[in-house]
Amino acid sequence: MFLRTKFLADDIERGWARLEGLVSMRGRKFYGAADPPTGEYWVCVERKPADDPVALGLESGTLPGGSYLRARLKGEPPAVYREIGPAFEELARGARPDPTRPGIEFYRERDEIDLLLPVID
């Protein structure tokens, strides 16, 4: 379960700033989910039992399961963020990406991001 807010791809930075201003970053898992067909980017945070999505102005949802290819990026922000798009493109080469599910960014640490490309089994 997660809380999310949607943004167009060119508003990603604003989306993260908004979410980080609404919830404590301590002890939470953060995700980004990009849906290229719609141009939407979901800024997501793991939901805690006391969270009230409506009061926070957020939606609830579940990131889709299934098979994913993974790549791990390491580097200092914000430079590491510029590597996300090219890394997803590299993952997609030779794979059968699933266009019905978003690509997912899992922010493991401040300087470590797992990229998950959905693939067709």
Protein backbone atom coordinates (compact mmCIF):
# COMPACT_ATOMS: atom_id res chain seq x y z
CA MET A 1 0.00 0.00 0.00
CA PHE A 2 1.31 3.46 -0.76
CA LEU A 3 0.32 7.07 -0.92
CA ARG A 4 0.77 8.76 -4.25
CA THR A 5 0.36 11.96 -6.12
CA LYS A 6 0.44 12.22 -9.92
CA PHE A 7 2.51 14.64 -11.96
CA LEU A 8 3.46 15.05 -15.56
CA ALA A 9 7.04 14.01 -16.17
CA ASP A 10 8.27 17.62 -16.31
CA ASP A 11 6.90 18.25 -12.78
CA ILE A 12 8.73 15.39 -11.04
CA GLU A 13 10.90 17.63 -8.86
CA ARG A 14 7.84 19.57 -7.69
CA GLY A 15 6.05 16.29 -6.92
CA TRP A 16 8.86 15.02 -4.71
CA ALA A 17 9.09 18.35 -2.88
CA ARG A 18 5.36 18.27 -2.20
CA LEU A 19 5.36 14.70 -0.88
CA GLU A 20 8.42 15.26 1.31
CA GLY A 21 6.64 18.29 2.80
CA LEU A 22 3.56 16.23 3.68
CA VAL A 23 5.03 13.15 5.35
CA SER A 24 8.04 12.35 7.47
CA MET A 25 10.82 10.75 5.45
CA ARG A 26 12.03 8.75 8.45
CA GLY A 27 11.47 5.02 8.31
CA ARG A 28 9.57 5.08 5.02
CA LYS A 29 10.17 3.57 1.61
CA PHE A 30 9.92 5.92 -1.37
CA TYR A 31 9.12 5.01 -4.95
CA GLY A 32 8.66 6.71 -8.28
CA ALA A 33 6.49 5.10 -10.94
CA ALA A 34 6.62 6.30 -14.55
CA ASP A 35 3.84 5.49 -17.01
CA PRO A 36 5.23 6.48 -20.43
CA PRO A 37 1.97 5.94 -22.39
CA THR A 38 0.15 8.54 -20.26
CA GLY A 39 3.15 10.74 -19.40
CA GLU A 40 2.30 10.42 -15.71
CA TYR A 41 4.81 10.06 -12.92
CA TRP A 42 3.61 8.90 -9.51
CA VAL A 43 5.55 10.08 -6.49
CA CYS A 44 4.95 7.33 -3.92
CA VAL A 45 5.67 6.69 -0.27
CA GLU A 46 4.98 3.64 1.85
CA ARG A 47 1.78 4.15 3.81
CA LYS A 48 1.87 3.96 7.61
CA PRO A 49 -1.21 2.94 9.66
CA ALA A 50 -1.75 6.47 11.02
CA ASP A 51 -1.63 8.10 7.56
CA ASP A 52 -4.86 9.67 6.32
CA PRO A 53 -4.55 9.95 2.53
CA VAL A 54 -7.62 12.18 2.18
CA ALA A 55 -6.38 14.65 4.81
CA LEU A 56 -2.97 14.70 3.10
CA GLY A 57 -4.53 15.22 -0.33
CA LEU A 58 -3.04 11.97 -1.63
CA GLU A 59 -4.36 8.80 -3.25
CA SER A 60 -3.87 5.24 -2.04
CA GLY A 61 -2.79 2.45 -4.31
CA THR A 62 -0.65 -0.59 -4.79
CA LEU A 63 2.29 -0.84 -7.14
CA PRO A 64 1.75 -3.72 -9.57
CA GLY A 65 3.53 -7.01 -9.06
CA GLY A 66 4.90 -9.31 -11.72
CA SER A 67 8.26 -9.86 -13.34
CA TYR A 68 10.77 -7.01 -13.47
CA LEU A 69 14.33 -6.53 -14.64
CA ARG A 70 16.44 -4.61 -12.16
CA ALA A 71 19.35 -2.20 -12.38
CA ARG A 72 20.96 -0.44 -9.42
CA LEU A 73 22.24 3.11 -9.68
CA LYS A 74 24.68 4.55 -7.15
CA GLY A 75 25.75 8.15 -7.04
CA GLU A 76 25.22 11.54 -5.51
CA PRO A 77 21.93 13.36 -6.07
CA PRO A 78 20.99 15.18 -8.16
CA ALA A 79 23.49 13.83 -10.72
CA VAL A 80 22.33 10.22 -10.22
CA TYR A 81 18.77 11.23 -11.22
CA ARG A 82 19.99 12.06 -14.74
CA GLU A 83 21.05 8.41 -15.11
CA ILE A 84 17.53 7.03 -14.58
CA GLY A 85 16.18 7.49 -18.13
CA PRO A 86 19.24 6.08 -19.90
CA ALA A 87 19.38 3.14 -17.47
CA PHE A 88 15.73 2.25 -18.17
CA GLU A 89 16.47 2.43 -21.91
CA GLU A 90 19.42 0.08 -21.46
CA LEU A 91 17.26 -2.37 -19.47
CA ALA A 92 14.65 -2.35 -22.24
CA ARG A 93 17.16 -3.36 -24.92
CA GLY A 94 16.69 -7.03 -25.62
CA ALA A 95 13.77 -7.29 -23.18
CA ARG A 96 10.02 -7.46 -23.70
CA PRO A 97 8.79 -4.53 -21.58
CA ASP A 98 5.21 -4.74 -20.33
CA PRO A 99 3.50 -1.51 -21.43
CA THR A 100 0.57 -2.10 -19.04
CA ARG A 101 2.71 -1.54 -15.92
CA PRO A 102 4.85 1.44 -14.92
CA GLY A 103 8.61 1.45 -14.56
CA ILE A 104 9.44 1.76 -10.86
CA GLU A 105 12.23 3.57 -9.04
CA PHE A 106 12.88 2.31 -5.51
CA TYR A 107 14.92 4.76 -3.46
CA ARG A 108 16.94 2.38 -1.29
CA GLU A 109 19.19 5.08 0.14
CA ARG A 110 19.88 8.74 -0.57
CA ASP A 111 22.50 7.68 -3.12
CA GLU A 112 21.17 4.28 -4.25
CA ILE A 113 18.19 3.64 -6.54
CA ASP A 114 16.85 0.34 -7.86
CA LEU A 115 15.18 0.65 -11.27
CA LEU A 116 12.54 -1.96 -12.04
CA LEU A 117 11.42 -2.45 -15.64
CA PRO A 118 8.22 -4.50 -15.98
CA VAL A 119 8.63 -7.34 -18.46
CA ILE A 120 6.31 -9.82 -20.09
CA ASP A 121 6.93 -13.34 -18.79
